[in-house]
Amino acid sequence: MSSENPPPWRLSSDRPISLHFALFVRDALNLRVSREPDYPPRLMGEIPDLSGLFDKSMLAGATFHWARWWEETLEASTVVALSLQQGESKDAFRAIATTRQWFMDAVIADARDTDAGDAYQRLKTLMAEASNWFYGTDHATEVMRQNLPGIDGPLVSEIATEALRTYGQQGNTVAVGIFQLDVEGTWAKYYDSGLLIASKNFLMNDLLIRPALEELFRIGINNSGGFPLSLFSPFDPPGLMPKWISKETPLDIGAVGPAKLVLKTVQCHKVDCLELRLGIVGETVPREIRNLMASSRPTISGSLTARTPDVYDGLELEIVFPDGRSTGTLVAPRFTKGSREVTANRFRRHPNSPLEVWLIVLPIPPAGLITLNASWPQYGIVNASISFSFPASL
């Protein structure tokens, strides 16, 4: 839904099949994935126990690979919901299909007591059961015949208009999204991209829906900069090597307590963008960073929470091309707000590490010396600067 008159806004609501497929696989196989507090509760209703379909090695593989499947599917689904450009949605739909196939291939590759053909058939059976559950149960059919509960058009319009006015963003286009998940309890979680995923019980709660929408538009407005919304990992075919990797890295940027901030990698997988990987390196990292890493990301149970703290909160970056064009100042957690001449966006490459930040930079720079400026005042890094060269051809 969107407003007909300025200020412009858009709220997309969905009950994504791809996310429910991933949750069904988790629950039907009784997978005990790591970092469970990061993920939604169990699906509602009776979920069949299908763990007998897989041998121990396949179950172990599914457990290990499930988190990546979930995260990339969620992030691609977010792009579908929030993107304002049709091309972004097409790429994201493709990523959803590709990452599901990757999960199946990875589980098959891990099978030790089942041959590949049999493992594939068992996975097909599992996915068919997921489809039957999503489309075939009385509960699912009833949900699909209705609009998402609690999403009242006039209420959304009132909150969106007031939020844009409050934050002085009347001239911007703000896109936010809500995903309903058919999971147990009154559960919800916000994402910095401007997405709220929530249980049906949460969205049906009249005491929660107004403050939830207010918080969602606040997040969406504070993160709307006209830059790509994607945070999902680029899905490169297995074995694909970067077209170019800088031989000048790693480069030290500055001390972070007993550790240091380092530009670890600069590379190009494609000819139209640059990738930078920064990381905190050292045998000991600052206590506050260790505490952030040790704490689970909070979920919401009948109450609201602010944005989850990020290890890199407070870090400011600027990337300057040889011809003087720059990103302007990029700030955590997304590192996206800056000049439109050169855009940057945080993304993920697996295996993910909370001590690393990947940035994708567009367009490809001209040949010459690229400068990375950094400030992280809380750790004493102020106006640090490093440079590396970029070739004339890849």
Foldseek 3Di string as FASTA:
>chain_A
DWDPDFPTEAEAEEADLLLLLLLLVCVLLVADAPLVQVDFAHFDDDRHNPVVLADPQLSVQLRDLSVLLNVQLVLLVQLLQFPPDPVSVVVSVVSNVVSVVVSLVRSLVRHDPDHSVSSNVSVVVSSVSSVCVCPPDPVNVVCVVDDQAQDDDVLLVVLLVVLCVVVVNRNDYFYAYEHEYRHDAFWWDDDLLLYIYTYSVVSNDPVRSNVVSNQSSNSRVVPDAPDRSGAEDDDDPPPQDFPDKFPVDFDWFADQVQWTKTFHIWTHNDQFKIKTKIFTDDPDGDPVLVVLVPDRFDMDHPDDDDDRDASQAQKWKKKAAPVGDIQAIAGPDFRAHGDPVKTKGWYDDPPDDSRMTMIMIGGDGAWDKMKMFMDRVVRPRDRTMDIDTDDRGD
